[in-house]
PDB file of N, CA and C in Angstrom:
ATOM      1  N   UNK A   1     -18.532  27.033 -90.701  1.00  0.00           N
ATOM      2  CA  UNK A   1     -17.522  26.135 -90.355  1.00  0.00           C
ATOM      3  C   UNK A   1     -16.915  26.492 -89.020  1.00  0.00           C
ATOM      4  N   UNK A   2     -16.766  25.504 -88.280  1.00  0.00           N
ATOM      5  CA  UNK A   2     -16.193  25.692 -86.948  1.00  0.00           C
ATOM      6  C   UNK A   2     -14.733  25.329 -86.986  1.00  0.00           C
ATOM      7  N   UNK A   3     -14.020  26.159 -86.302  1.00  0.00           N
ATOM      8  CA  UNK A   3     -12.599  25.842 -86.167  1.00  0.00           C
ATOM      9  C   UNK A   3     -12.427  24.889 -84.982  1.00  0.00           C
ATOM     10  N   UNK A   4     -11.788  23.873 -85.227  1.00  0.00           N
ATOM     11  CA  UNK A   4     -11.542  22.899 -84.173  1.00  0.00           C
ATOM     12  C   UNK A   4     -10.107  23.111 -83.655  1.00  0.00           C
ATOM     13  N   UNK A   5     -10.024  23.383 -82.423  1.00  0.00           N
ATOM     14  CA  UNK A   5      -8.691  23.528 -81.821  1.00  0.00           C
ATOM     15  C   UNK A   5      -8.356  22.168 -81.223  1.00  0.00           C
ATOM     16  N   UNK A   6      -7.270  21.683 -81.688  1.00  0.00           N
ATOM     17  CA  UNK A   6      -6.924  20.359 -81.143  1.00  0.00           C
ATOM     18  C   UNK A   6      -6.604  20.467 -79.633  1.00  0.00           C
ATOM     19  N   UNK A   7      -7.201  19.614 -78.904  1.00  0.00           N
ATOM     20  CA  UNK A   7      -6.954  19.598 -77.446  1.00  0.00           C
ATOM     21  C   UNK A   7      -5.887  18.554 -77.129  1.00  0.00           C
ATOM     22  N   UNK A   8      -5.036  18.989 -76.236  1.00  0.00           N
ATOM     23  CA  UNK A   8      -4.019  18.044 -75.778  1.00  0.00           C
ATOM     24  C   UNK A   8      -4.662  17.184 -74.702  1.00  0.00           C
ATOM     25  N   UNK A   9      -4.224  15.995 -74.642  1.00  0.00           N
ATOM     26  CA  UNK A   9      -4.767  15.158 -73.569  1.00  0.00           C
ATOM     27  C   UNK A   9      -4.414  15.759 -72.196  1.00  0.00           C
ATOM     28  N   UNK A  10      -5.255  15.477 -71.185  1.00  0.00           N
ATOM     29  CA  UNK A  10      -5.060  16.049 -69.855  1.00  0.00           C
ATOM     30  C   UNK A  10      -3.758  15.516 -69.265  1.00  0.00           C
ATOM     31  N   UNK A  11      -2.887  16.435 -68.928  1.00  0.00           N
ATOM     32  CA  UNK A  11      -1.602  16.076 -68.344  1.00  0.00           C
ATOM     33  C   UNK A  11      -1.600  16.607 -66.920  1.00  0.00           C
ATOM     34  N   UNK A  12      -1.192  15.765 -66.008  1.00  0.00           N
ATOM     35  CA  UNK A  12      -1.154  16.162 -64.609  1.00  0.00           C
ATOM     36  C   UNK A  12       0.066  17.046 -64.390  1.00  0.00           C
ATOM     37  N   UNK A  13      -0.167  18.306 -64.344  1.00  0.00           N
ATOM     38  CA  UNK A  13       0.928  19.231 -64.116  1.00  0.00           C
ATOM     39  C   UNK A  13       1.076  19.433 -62.613  1.00  0.00           C
ATOM     40  N   UNK A  14       2.288  19.584 -62.145  1.00  0.00           N
ATOM     41  CA  UNK A  14       2.560  19.859 -60.743  1.00  0.00           C
ATOM     42  C   UNK A  14       2.673  18.608 -59.884  1.00  0.00           C
ATOM     43  N   UNK A  15       2.518  17.416 -60.450  1.00  0.00           N
ATOM     44  CA  UNK A  15       2.615  16.186 -59.668  1.00  0.00           C
ATOM     45  C   UNK A  15       4.013  16.031 -59.076  1.00  0.00           C
ATOM     46  N   UNK A  16       5.018  16.291 -59.862  1.00  0.00           N
ATOM     47  CA  UNK A  16       6.391  16.130 -59.360  1.00  0.00           C
ATOM     48  C   UNK A  16       6.685  17.138 -58.237  1.00  0.00           C
ATOM     49  N   UNK A  17       6.103  18.340 -58.317  1.00  0.00           N
ATOM     50  CA  UNK A  17       6.304  19.332 -57.267  1.00  0.00           C
ATOM     51  C   UNK A  17       5.674  18.856 -55.956  1.00  0.00           C
ATOM     52  N   UNK A  18       4.469  18.338 -56.026  1.00  0.00           N
ATOM     53  CA  UNK A  18       3.787  17.839 -54.824  1.00  0.00           C
ATOM     54  C   UNK A  18       4.541  16.640 -54.251  1.00  0.00           C
ATOM     55  N   UNK A  19       4.995  15.748 -55.106  1.00  0.00           N
ATOM     56  CA  UNK A  19       5.743  14.583 -54.636  1.00  0.00           C
ATOM     57  C   UNK A  19       7.042  15.014 -53.960  1.00  0.00           C
ATOM     58  N   UNK A  20       7.716  16.000 -54.523  1.00  0.00           N
ATOM     59  CA  UNK A  20       8.956  16.501 -53.955  1.00  0.00           C
ATOM     60  C   UNK A  20       8.717  17.139 -52.582  1.00  0.00           C
ATOM     61  N   UNK A  21       7.649  17.908 -52.456  1.00  0.00           N
ATOM     62  CA  UNK A  21       7.335  18.546 -51.174  1.00  0.00           C
ATOM     63  C   UNK A  21       7.007  17.488 -50.117  1.00  0.00           C
ATOM     64  N   UNK A  22       6.289  16.451 -50.503  1.00  0.00           N
ATOM     65  CA  UNK A  22       5.962  15.381 -49.557  1.00  0.00           C
ATOM     66  C   UNK A  22       7.216  14.627 -49.126  1.00  0.00           C
ATOM     67  N   UNK A  23       8.114  14.372 -50.025  1.00  0.00           N
ATOM     68  CA  UNK A  23       9.368  13.698 -49.673  1.00  0.00           C
ATOM     69  C   UNK A  23      10.214  14.565 -48.741  1.00  0.00           C
ATOM     70  N   UNK A  24      10.232  15.867 -48.998  1.00  0.00           N
ATOM     71  CA  UNK A  24      10.987  16.766 -48.126  1.00  0.00           C
ATOM     72  C   UNK A  24      10.379  16.785 -46.731  1.00  0.00           C
ATOM     73  N   UNK A  25       9.050  16.757 -46.640  1.00  0.00           N
ATOM     74  CA  UNK A  25       8.394  16.726 -45.336  1.00  0.00           C
ATOM     75  C   UNK A  25       8.734  15.429 -44.597  1.00  0.00           C
ATOM     76  N   UNK A  26       8.765  14.324 -45.313  1.00  0.00           N
ATOM     77  CA  UNK A  26       9.132  13.044 -44.724  1.00  0.00           C
ATOM     78  C   UNK A  26      10.568  13.078 -44.195  1.00  0.00           C
ATOM     79  N   UNK A  27      11.472  13.654 -44.949  1.00  0.00           N
ATOM     80  CA  UNK A  27      12.869  13.762 -44.522  1.00  0.00           C
ATOM     81  C   UNK A  27      12.974  14.637 -43.273  1.00  0.00           C
ATOM     82  N   UNK A  28      12.209  15.721 -43.217  1.00  0.00           N
ATOM     83  CA  UNK A  28      12.235  16.595 -42.048  1.00  0.00           C
ATOM     84  C   UNK A  28      11.734  15.848 -40.815  1.00  0.00           C
ATOM     85  N   UNK A  29      10.683  15.070 -40.941  1.00  0.00           N
ATOM     86  CA  UNK A  29      10.145  14.304 -39.811  1.00  0.00           C
ATOM     87  C   UNK A  29      11.168  13.278 -39.325  1.00  0.00           C
ATOM     88  N   UNK A  30      11.833  12.598 -40.255  1.00  0.00           N
ATOM     89  CA  UNK A  30      12.859  11.618 -39.877  1.00  0.00           C
ATOM     90  C   UNK A  30      14.017  12.308 -39.171  1.00  0.00           C
ATOM     91  N   UNK A  31      14.445  13.459 -39.663  1.00  0.00           N
ATOM     92  CA  UNK A  31      15.544  14.191 -39.028  1.00  0.00           C
ATOM     93  C   UNK A  31      15.158  14.654 -37.619  1.00  0.00           C
ATOM     94  N   UNK A  32      13.935  15.133 -37.441  1.00  0.00           N
ATOM     95  CA  UNK A  32      13.487  15.533 -36.105  1.00  0.00           C
ATOM     96  C   UNK A  32      13.488  14.345 -35.140  1.00  0.00           C
ATOM     97  N   UNK A  33      13.079  13.191 -35.612  1.00  0.00           N
ATOM     98  CA  UNK A  33      13.106  11.986 -34.784  1.00  0.00           C
ATOM     99  C   UNK A  33      14.522  11.609 -34.384  1.00  0.00           C
ATOM    100  N   UNK A  34      15.451  11.685 -35.320  1.00  0.00           N
ATOM    101  CA  UNK A  34      16.844  11.356 -35.016  1.00  0.00           C
ATOM    102  C   UNK A  34      17.448  12.361 -34.034  1.00  0.00           C
ATOM    103  N   UNK A  35      17.115  13.625 -34.176  1.00  0.00           N
ATOM    104  CA  UNK A  35      17.639  14.642 -33.262  1.00  0.00           C
ATOM    105  C   UNK A  35      17.111  14.410 -31.849  1.00  0.00           C
ATOM    106  N   UNK A  36      15.832  14.097 -31.729  1.00  0.00           N
ATOM    107  CA  UNK A  36      15.277  13.854 -30.392  1.00  0.00           C
ATOM    108  C   UNK A  36      15.869  12.587 -29.779  1.00  0.00           C
ATOM    109  N   UNK A  37      16.116  11.571 -30.593  1.00  0.00           N
ATOM    110  CA  UNK A  37      16.736  10.345 -30.097  1.00  0.00           C
ATOM    111  C   UNK A  37      18.156  10.609 -29.599  1.00  0.00           C
ATOM    112  N   UNK A  38      18.918  11.375 -30.354  1.00  0.00           N
ATOM    113  CA  UNK A  38      20.287  11.684 -29.920  1.00  0.00           C
ATOM    114  C   UNK A  38      20.281  12.539 -28.659  1.00  0.00           C
ATOM    115  N   UNK A  39      19.294  13.424 -28.514  1.00  0.00           N
ATOM    116  CA  UNK A  39      19.181  14.237 -27.304  1.00  0.00           C
ATOM    117  C   UNK A  39      18.900  13.354 -26.089  1.00  0.00           C
ATOM    118  N   UNK A  40      18.034  12.361 -26.238  1.00  0.00           N
ATOM    119  CA  UNK A  40      17.756  11.441 -25.143  1.00  0.00           C
ATOM    120  C   UNK A  40      18.997  10.644 -24.757  1.00  0.00           C
ATOM    121  N   UNK A  41      19.734  10.187 -25.757  1.00  0.00           N
ATOM    122  CA  UNK A  41      20.958   9.432 -25.477  1.00  0.00           C
ATOM    123  C   UNK A  41      21.983  10.291 -24.767  1.00  0.00           C
ATOM    124  N   UNK A  42      22.091  11.549 -25.151  1.00  0.00           N
ATOM    125  CA  UNK A  42      23.036  12.458 -24.519  1.00  0.00           C
ATOM    126  C   UNK A  42      22.663  12.688 -23.056  1.00  0.00           C
ATOM    127  N   UNK A  43      21.390  12.869 -22.784  1.00  0.00           N
ATOM    128  CA  UNK A  43      20.942  13.035 -21.398  1.00  0.00           C
ATOM    129  C   UNK A  43      21.227  11.780 -20.579  1.00  0.00           C
ATOM    130  N   UNK A  44      20.980  10.629 -21.173  1.00  0.00           N
ATOM    131  CA  UNK A  44      21.234   9.363 -20.487  1.00  0.00           C
ATOM    132  C   UNK A  44      22.709   9.175 -20.172  1.00  0.00           C
ATOM    133  N   UNK A  45      23.574   9.541 -21.082  1.00  0.00           N
ATOM    134  CA  UNK A  45      25.006   9.384 -20.830  1.00  0.00           C
ATOM    135  C   UNK A  45      25.473  10.352 -19.750  1.00  0.00           C
ATOM    136  N   UNK A  46      24.908  11.557 -19.702  1.00  0.00           N
ATOM    137  CA  UNK A  46      25.262  12.496 -18.632  1.00  0.00           C
ATOM    138  C   UNK A  46      24.810  11.952 -17.277  1.00  0.00           C
ATOM    139  N   UNK A  47      23.616  11.359 -17.248  1.00  0.00           N
ATOM    140  CA  UNK A  47      23.120  10.785 -16.000  1.00  0.00           C
ATOM    141  C   UNK A  47      24.010   9.624 -15.573  1.00  0.00           C
ATOM    142  N   UNK A  48      24.481   8.833 -16.529  1.00  0.00           N
ATOM    143  CA  UNK A  48      25.345   7.707 -16.230  1.00  0.00           C
ATOM    144  C   UNK A  48      26.664   8.188 -15.630  1.00  0.00           C
ATOM    145  N   UNK A  49      27.199   9.283 -16.147  1.00  0.00           N
ATOM    146  CA  UNK A  49      28.439   9.836 -15.609  1.00  0.00           C
ATOM    147  C   UNK A  49      28.228  10.283 -14.168  1.00  0.00           C
ATOM    148  N   UNK A  50      27.120  10.939 -13.888  1.00  0.00           N
ATOM    149  CA  UNK A  50      26.818  11.382 -12.528  1.00  0.00           C
ATOM    150  C   UNK A  50      26.613  10.187 -11.596  1.00  0.00           C
ATOM    151  N   UNK A  51      25.974   9.144 -12.107  1.00  0.00           N
ATOM    152  CA  UNK A  51      25.748   7.952 -11.298  1.00  0.00           C
ATOM    153  C   UNK A  51      27.079   7.285 -10.943  1.00  0.00           C
ATOM    154  N   UNK A  52      27.998   7.201 -11.891  1.00  0.00           N
ATOM    155  CA  UNK A  52      29.305   6.613 -11.622  1.00  0.00           C
ATOM    156  C   UNK A  52      30.086   7.446 -10.610  1.00  0.00           C
ATOM    157  N   UNK A  53      29.995   8.757 -10.699  1.00  0.00           N
ATOM    158  CA  UNK A  53      30.675   9.625  -9.732  1.00  0.00           C
ATOM    159  C   UNK A  53      30.081   9.432  -8.340  1.00  0.00           C
ATOM    160  N   UNK A  54      28.763   9.292  -8.261  1.00  0.00           N
ATOM    161  CA  UNK A  54      28.110   9.082  -6.956  1.00  0.00           C
ATOM    162  C   UNK A  54      28.534   7.747  -6.354  1.00  0.00           C
ATOM    163  N   UNK A  55      28.627   6.716  -7.180  1.00  0.00           N
ATOM    164  CA  UNK A  55      29.066   5.406  -6.682  1.00  0.00           C
ATOM    165  C   UNK A  55      30.510   5.470  -6.175  1.00  0.00           C
ATOM    166  N   UNK A  56      31.374   6.170  -6.919  1.00  0.00           N
ATOM    167  CA  UNK A  56      32.767   6.312  -6.490  1.00  0.00           C
ATOM    168  C   UNK A  56      32.854   7.081  -5.177  1.00  0.00           C
ATOM    169  N   UNK A  57      32.053   8.129  -5.033  1.00  0.00           N
ATOM    170  CA  UNK A  57      32.040   8.898  -3.781  1.00  0.00           C
ATOM    171  C   UNK A  57      31.542   8.046  -2.616  1.00  0.00           C
ATOM    172  N   UNK A  58      30.520   7.242  -2.852  1.00  0.00           N
ATOM    173  CA  UNK A  58      29.998   6.376  -1.796  1.00  0.00           C
ATOM    174  C   UNK A  58      31.035   5.334  -1.387  1.00  0.00           C
ATOM    175  N   UNK A  59      31.735   4.782  -2.358  1.00  0.00           N
ATOM    176  CA  UNK A  59      32.783   3.796  -2.066  1.00  0.00           C
ATOM    177  C   UNK A  59      33.895   4.432  -1.233  1.00  0.00           C
ATOM    178  N   UNK A  60      34.288   5.648  -1.594  1.00  0.00           N
ATOM    179  CA  UNK A  60      35.331   6.357  -0.845  1.00  0.00           C
ATOM    180  C   UNK A  60      34.866   6.650   0.581  1.00  0.00           C
ATOM    181  N   UNK A  61      33.616   7.074   0.742  1.00  0.00           N
ATOM    182  CA  UNK A  61      33.083   7.350   2.076  1.00  0.00           C
ATOM    183  C   UNK A  61      33.070   6.086   2.927  1.00  0.00           C
ATOM    184  N   UNK A  62      32.731   4.953   2.331  1.00  0.00           N
ATOM    185  CA  UNK A  62      32.733   3.688   3.059  1.00  0.00           C
ATOM    186  C   UNK A  62      34.147   3.319   3.502  1.00  0.00           C
ATOM    187  N   UNK A  63      35.122   3.508   2.625  1.00  0.00           N
ATOM    188  CA  UNK A  63      36.507   3.201   2.975  1.00  0.00           C
ATOM    189  C   UNK A  63      36.990   4.107   4.109  1.00  0.00           C
ATOM    190  N   UNK A  64      36.624   5.384   4.075  1.00  0.00           N
ATOM    191  CA  UNK A  64      37.010   6.311   5.141  1.00  0.00           C
ATOM    192  C   UNK A  64      36.350   5.907   6.454  1.00  0.00           C
ATOM    193  N   UNK A  65      35.062   5.540   6.410  1.00  0.00           N
ATOM    194  CA  UNK A  65      34.346   5.143   7.623  1.00  0.00           C
ATOM    195  C   UNK A  65      34.965   3.888   8.237  1.00  0.00           C
ATOM    196  N   UNK A  66      35.303   2.914   7.412  1.00  0.00           N
ATOM    197  CA  UNK A  66      35.931   1.694   7.928  1.00  0.00           C
ATOM    198  C   UNK A  66      37.298   2.022   8.521  1.00  0.00           C
ATOM    199  N   UNK A  67      38.046   2.897   7.869  1.00  0.00           N
ATOM    200  CA  UNK A  67      39.349   3.307   8.398  1.00  0.00           C
ATOM    201  C   UNK A  67      39.220   3.999   9.747  1.00  0.00           C
ATOM    202  N   UNK A  68      38.235   4.880   9.893  1.00  0.00           N
ATOM    203  CA  UNK A  68      38.004   5.560  11.171  1.00  0.00           C
ATOM    204  C   UNK A  68      37.603   4.556  12.251  1.00  0.00           C
ATOM    205  N   UNK A  69      36.758   3.603  11.889  1.00  0.00           N
ATOM    206  CA  UNK A  69      36.338   2.583  12.842  1.00  0.00           C
ATOM    207  C   UNK A  69      37.540   1.762  13.297  1.00  0.00           C
ATOM    208  N   UNK A  70      38.401   1.374  12.372  1.00  0.00           N
ATOM    209  CA  UNK A  70      39.588   0.608  12.734  1.00  0.00           C
ATOM    210  C   UNK A  70      40.547   1.439  13.579  1.00  0.00           C
ATOM    211  N   UNK A  71      40.638   2.727  13.296  1.00  0.00           N
ATOM    212  CA  UNK A  71      41.530   3.592  14.056  1.00  0.00           C
ATOM    213  C   UNK A  71      41.061   3.702  15.506  1.00  0.00           C
ATOM    214  N   UNK A  72      39.750   3.805  15.724  1.00  0.00           N
ATOM    215  CA  UNK A  72      39.223   4.013  17.066  1.00  0.00           C
ATOM    216  C   UNK A  72      39.025   2.724  17.848  1.00  0.00           C
ATOM    217  N   UNK A  73      38.961   1.583  17.180  1.00  0.00           N
ATOM    218  CA  UNK A  73      38.778   0.325  17.920  1.00  0.00           C
ATOM    219  C   UNK A  73      40.091  -0.250  18.405  1.00  0.00           C
ATOM    220  N   UNK A  74      41.184   0.154  17.852  1.00  0.00           N
ATOM    221  CA  UNK A  74      42.475  -0.310  18.344  1.00  0.00           C
ATOM    222  C   UNK A  74      43.008  -1.486  17.561  1.00  0.00           C
ATOM    223  N   UNK A  75      43.816  -2.313  18.228  1.00  0.00           N
ATOM    224  CA  UNK A  75      44.488  -3.409  17.526  1.00  0.00           C
ATOM    225  C   UNK A  75      43.507  -4.454  17.002  1.00  0.00           C
ATOM    226  N   UNK A  76      44.028  -5.372  16.225  1.00  0.00           N
ATOM    227  CA  UNK A  76      43.191  -6.376  15.562  1.00  0.00           C
ATOM    228  C   UNK A  76      42.597  -7.405  16.509  1.00  0.00           C
ATOM    229  N   UNK A  77      42.929  -7.347  17.799  1.00  0.00           N
ATOM    230  CA  UNK A  77      42.375  -8.311  18.732  1.00  0.00           C
ATOM    231  C   UNK A  77      41.022  -7.861  19.266  1.00  0.00           C
ATOM    232  N   UNK A  78      40.388  -6.920  18.625  1.00  0.00           N
ATOM    233  CA  UNK A  78      39.086  -6.437  19.082  1.00  0.00           C
ATOM    234  C   UNK A  78      38.059  -6.584  17.973  1.00  0.00           C
ATOM    235  N   UNK A  79      36.808  -6.685  18.391  1.00  0.00           N
ATOM    236  CA  UNK A  79      35.716  -6.805  17.425  1.00  0.00           C
ATOM    237  C   UNK A  79      34.662  -5.748  17.738  1.00  0.00           C
ATOM    238  N   UNK A  80      33.865  -5.427  16.751  1.00  0.00           N
ATOM    239  CA  UNK A  80      32.759  -4.491  16.948  1.00  0.00           C
ATOM    240  C   UNK A  80      31.452  -5.208  16.647  1.00  0.00           C
ATOM    241  N   UNK A  81      30.405  -4.826  17.381  1.00  0.00           N
ATOM    242  CA  UNK A  81      29.080  -5.391  17.144  1.00  0.00           C
ATOM    243  C   UNK A  81      28.054  -4.457  17.776  1.00  0.00           C
ATOM    244  N   UNK A  82      26.830  -4.565  17.339  1.00  0.00           N
ATOM    245  CA  UNK A  82      25.755  -3.784  17.943  1.00  0.00           C
ATOM    246  C   UNK A  82      25.487  -4.298  19.348  1.00  0.00           C
ATOM    247  N   UNK A  83      25.011  -3.416  20.195  1.00  0.00           N
ATOM    248  CA  UNK A  83      24.720  -3.783  21.579  1.00  0.00           C
ATOM    249  C   UNK A  83      23.571  -4.783  21.677  1.00  0.00           C
ATOM    250  N   UNK A  84      22.837  -4.987  20.615  1.00  0.00           N
ATOM    251  CA  UNK A  84      21.718  -5.929  20.620  1.00  0.00           C
ATOM    252  C   UNK A  84      22.177  -7.361  20.869  1.00  0.00           C
ATOM    253  N   UNK A  85      23.479  -7.659  20.689  1.00  0.00           N
ATOM    254  CA  UNK A  85      23.936  -9.025  20.940  1.00  0.00           C
ATOM    255  C   UNK A  85      23.926  -9.351  22.423  1.00  0.00           C
ATOM    256  N   UNK A  86      23.803  -8.337  23.277  1.00  0.00           N
ATOM    257  CA  UNK A  86      23.753  -8.562  24.720  1.00  0.00           C
ATOM    258  C   UNK A  86      22.363  -8.941  25.198  1.00  0.00           C
ATOM    259  N   UNK A  87      21.357  -8.764  24.336  1.00  0.00           N
ATOM    260  CA  UNK A  87      19.991  -9.103  24.709  1.00  0.00           C
ATOM    261  C   UNK A  87      19.805 -10.609  24.724  1.00  0.00           C
ATOM    262  N   UNK A  88      19.044 -11.068  25.680  1.00  0.00           N
ATOM    263  CA  UNK A  88      18.664 -12.472  25.684  1.00  0.00           C
ATOM    264  C   UNK A  88      17.431 -12.657  24.818  1.00  0.00           C
ATOM    265  N   UNK A  89      17.097 -13.886  24.522  1.00  0.00           N
ATOM    266  CA  UNK A  89      15.925 -14.123  23.675  1.00  0.00           C
ATOM    267  C   UNK A  89      14.624 -13.818  24.410  1.00  0.00           C
ATOM    268  N   UNK A  90      14.657 -13.846  25.777  1.00  0.00           N
ATOM    269  CA  UNK A  90      13.437 -13.609  26.542  1.00  0.00           C
ATOM    270  C   UNK A  90      13.458 -12.267  27.266  1.00  0.00           C
ATOM    271  N   UNK A  91      14.354 -11.367  26.877  1.00  0.00           N
ATOM    272  CA  UNK A  91      14.489 -10.088  27.575  1.00  0.00           C
ATOM    273  C   UNK A  91      13.363  -9.140  27.201  1.00  0.00           C
ATOM    274  N   UNK A  92      12.667  -8.656  28.241  1.00  0.00           N
ATOM    275  CA  UNK A  92      11.596  -7.684  28.055  1.00  0.00           C
ATOM    276  C   UNK A  92      11.892  -6.498  28.936  1.00  0.00           C
ATOM    277  N   UNK A  93      11.843  -5.318  28.572  1.00  0.00           N
ATOM    278  CA  UNK A  93      11.854  -4.803  27.204  1.00  0.00           C
ATOM    279  C   UNK A  93      13.267  -4.891  26.626  1.00  0.00           C
ATOM    280  N   UNK A  94      13.405  -4.702  25.328  1.00  0.00           N
ATOM    281  CA  UNK A  94      14.742  -4.750  24.735  1.00  0.00           C
ATOM    282  C   UNK A  94      15.599  -3.591  25.227  1.00  0.00           C
ATOM    283  N   UNK A  95      16.887  -3.707  25.035  1.00  0.00           N
ATOM    284  CA  UNK A  95      17.807  -2.648  25.452  1.00  0.00           C
ATOM    285  C   UNK A  95      17.418  -1.324  24.811  1.00  0.00           C
ATOM    286  N   UNK A  96      17.583  -0.241  25.572  1.00  0.00           N
ATOM    287  CA  UNK A  96      17.211   1.080  25.064  1.00  0.00           C
ATOM    288  C   UNK A  96      18.153   1.534  23.953  1.00  0.00           C
ATOM    289  N   UNK A  97      19.397   1.165  24.053  1.00  0.00           N
ATOM    290  CA  UNK A  97      20.394   1.599  23.066  1.00  0.00           C
ATOM    291  C   UNK A  97      20.935   0.409  22.275  1.00  0.00           C
ATOM    292  N   UNK A  98      20.055  -0.418  21.812  1.00  0.00           N
ATOM    293  CA  UNK A  98      20.455  -1.659  21.157  1.00  0.00           C
ATOM    294  C   UNK A  98      21.167  -1.426  19.822  1.00  0.00           C
ATOM    295  N   UNK A  99      21.050  -0.241  19.233  1.00  0.00           N
ATOM    296  CA  UNK A  99      21.714   0.027  17.957  1.00  0.00           C
ATOM    297  C   UNK A  99      23.082   0.667  18.118  1.00  0.00           C
ATOM    298  N   UNK A 100      23.511   0.869  19.351  1.00  0.00           N
ATOM    299  CA  UNK A 100      24.845   1.427  19.561  1.00  0.00           C
ATOM    300  C   UNK A 100      25.890   0.389  19.169  1.00  0.00           C
ATOM    301  N   UNK A 101      27.019   0.880  18.734  1.00  0.00           N
ATOM    302  CA  UNK A 101      28.107  -0.005  18.332  1.00  0.00           C
ATOM    303  C   UNK A 101      29.086  -0.127  19.486  1.00  0.00           C
ATOM    304  N   UNK A 102      29.407  -1.358  19.858  1.00  0.00           N
ATOM    305  CA  UNK A 102      30.333  -1.593  20.962  1.00  0.00           C
ATOM    306  C   UNK A 102      31.616  -2.232  20.463  1.00  0.00           C
ATOM    307  N   UNK A 103      32.673  -2.119  21.281  1.00  0.00           N
ATOM    308  CA  UNK A 103      33.973  -2.705  20.955  1.00  0.00           C
ATOM    309  C   UNK A 103      34.318  -3.681  22.073  1.00  0.00           C
ATOM    310  N   UNK A 104      34.638  -4.912  21.702  1.00  0.00           N
ATOM    311  CA  UNK A 104      34.981  -5.931  22.669  1.00  0.00           C
ATOM    312  C   UNK A 104      36.352  -6.504  22.361  1.00  0.00           C
ATOM    313  N   UNK A 105      37.097  -6.797  23.417  1.00  0.00           N
ATOM    314  CA  UNK A 105      38.375  -7.482  23.247  1.00  0.00           C
ATOM    315  C   UNK A 105      38.087  -8.946  22.937  1.00  0.00           C
ATOM    316  N   UNK A 106      38.976  -9.568  22.207  1.00  0.00           N
ATOM    317  CA  UNK A 106      38.801 -10.986  21.880  1.00  0.00           C
ATOM    318  C   UNK A 106      39.777 -11.849  22.641  1.00  0.00           C
ATOM    319  N   UNK A 107      40.493 -11.238  23.585  1.00  0.00           N
ATOM    320  CA  UNK A 107      41.454 -12.010  24.374  1.00  0.00           C
ATOM    321  C   UNK A 107      41.201 -11.779  25.856  1.00  0.00           C
ATOM    322  N   UNK A 108      41.688 -12.702  26.648  1.00  0.00           N
ATOM    323  CA  UNK A 108      41.608 -12.600  28.108  1.00  0.00           C
ATOM    324  C   UNK A 108      43.008 -12.856  28.658  1.00  0.00           C
ATOM    325  N   UNK A 109      43.481 -11.947  29.505  1.00  0.00           N
ATOM    326  CA  UNK A 109      44.822 -12.100  30.087  1.00  0.00           C
ATOM    327  C   UNK A 109      44.703 -13.013  31.296  1.00  0.00           C
ATOM    328  N   UNK A 110      45.432 -14.108  31.235  1.00  0.00           N
ATOM    329  CA  UNK A 110      45.438 -15.083  32.330  1.00  0.00           C
ATOM    330  C   UNK A 110      46.872 -15.523  32.556  1.00  0.00           C
ATOM    331  N   UNK A 111      47.355 -15.294  33.750  1.00  0.00           N
ATOM    332  CA  UNK A 111      48.709 -15.651  34.163  1.00  0.00           C
ATOM    333  C   UNK A 111      49.753 -15.052  33.218  1.00  0.00           C
ATOM    334  N   UNK A 112      49.548 -13.765  32.875  1.00  0.00           N
ATOM    335  CA  UNK A 112      50.518 -13.031  32.072  1.00  0.00           C
ATOM    336  C   UNK A 112      50.484 -13.343  30.590  1.00  0.00           C
ATOM    337  N   UNK A 113      49.499 -14.088  30.138  1.00  0.00           N
ATOM    338  CA  UNK A 113      49.409 -14.439  28.724  1.00  0.00           C
ATOM    339  C   UNK A 113      47.999 -14.136  28.216  1.00  0.00           C
ATOM    340  N   UNK A 114      47.900 -13.654  26.966  1.00  0.00           N
ATOM    341  CA  UNK A 114      46.597 -13.378  26.367  1.00  0.00           C
ATOM    342  C   UNK A 114      46.047 -14.651  25.737  1.00  0.00           C
ATOM    343  N   UNK A 115      44.826 -14.998  26.150  1.00  0.00           N
ATOM    344  CA  UNK A 115      44.156 -16.178  25.614  1.00  0.00           C
ATOM    345  C   UNK A 115      42.934 -15.715  24.820  1.00  0.00           C
ATOM    346  N   UNK A 116      42.667 -16.348  23.671  1.00  0.00           N
ATOM    347  CA  UNK A 116      41.484 -15.946  22.896  1.00  0.00           C
ATOM    348  C   UNK A 116      40.207 -16.349  23.617  1.00  0.00           C
ATOM    349  N   UNK A 117      39.231 -15.488  23.537  1.00  0.00           N
ATOM    350  CA  UNK A 117      37.922 -15.792  24.100  1.00  0.00           C
ATOM    351  C   UNK A 117      37.132 -16.603  23.092  1.00  0.00           C
ATOM    352  N   UNK A 118      36.588 -17.688  23.545  1.00  0.00           N
ATOM    353  CA  UNK A 118      35.831 -18.571  22.667  1.00  0.00           C
ATOM    354  C   UNK A 118      34.437 -18.713  23.266  1.00  0.00           C
ATOM    355  N   UNK A 119      33.429 -18.613  22.441  1.00  0.00           N
ATOM    356  CA  UNK A 119      32.064 -18.749  22.919  1.00  0.00           C
ATOM    357  C   UNK A 119      31.548 -17.436  23.441  1.00  0.00           C
ATOM    358  N   UNK A 120      30.856 -17.457  24.563  1.00  0.00           N
ATOM    359  CA  UNK A 120      30.235 -16.263  25.116  1.00  0.00           C
ATOM    360  C   UNK A 120      31.135 -15.451  26.018  1.00  0.00           C
ATOM    361  N   UNK A 121      32.414 -15.709  26.023  1.00  0.00           N
ATOM    362  CA  UNK A 121      33.333 -14.923  26.834  1.00  0.00           C
ATOM    363  C   UNK A 121      33.427 -15.410  28.259  1.00  0.00           C
ATOM    364  N   UNK A 122      32.943 -16.612  28.513  1.00  0.00           N
ATOM    365  CA  UNK A 122      33.040 -17.193  29.855  1.00  0.00           C
ATOM    366  C   UNK A 122      34.377 -17.908  29.947  1.00  0.00           C
ATOM    367  N   UNK A 123      35.144 -17.556  30.961  1.00  0.00           N
ATOM    368  CA  UNK A 123      36.443 -18.188  31.110  1.00  0.00           C
ATOM    369  C   UNK A 123      36.605 -18.622  32.576  1.00  0.00           C
ATOM    370  N   UNK A 124      37.414 -19.586  32.746  1.00  0.00           N
ATOM    371  CA  UNK A 124      37.610 -20.172  34.069  1.00  0.00           C
ATOM    372  C   UNK A 124      39.038 -19.879  34.515  1.00  0.00           C
ATOM    373  N   UNK A 125      39.228 -19.605  35.805  1.00  0.00           N
ATOM    374  CA  UNK A 125      40.568 -19.356  36.324  1.00  0.00           C
ATOM    375  C   UNK A 125      41.177 -20.618  36.854  1.00  0.00           C
TER     376      UNK A 125
END
């Protein structure tokens, strides 16, 4: 006579452990993605702060340059322009210093009174 040992049906042992480890790995991957995303955003915001500071500095430099130009050109009856405006359309060769900035008066003194210059600055006595 043979002794029959009752066999239990095959039960998948360790399935919950494997599933838990896989879920933990998934959570770790998601967390790493979020950390890298926040790091990129932080770098971008720092760059934005530097960009705003550079724009403010450039604006201030422009205001200082305009103030210096106004200080050196004198009263409001004067204008500034590049020397290239003195060139004619058929002038060969062009002026050597055509990029220099010049200051011109906008008035002409005639008989003790300042008259505005209109047109090319040609006036009659």
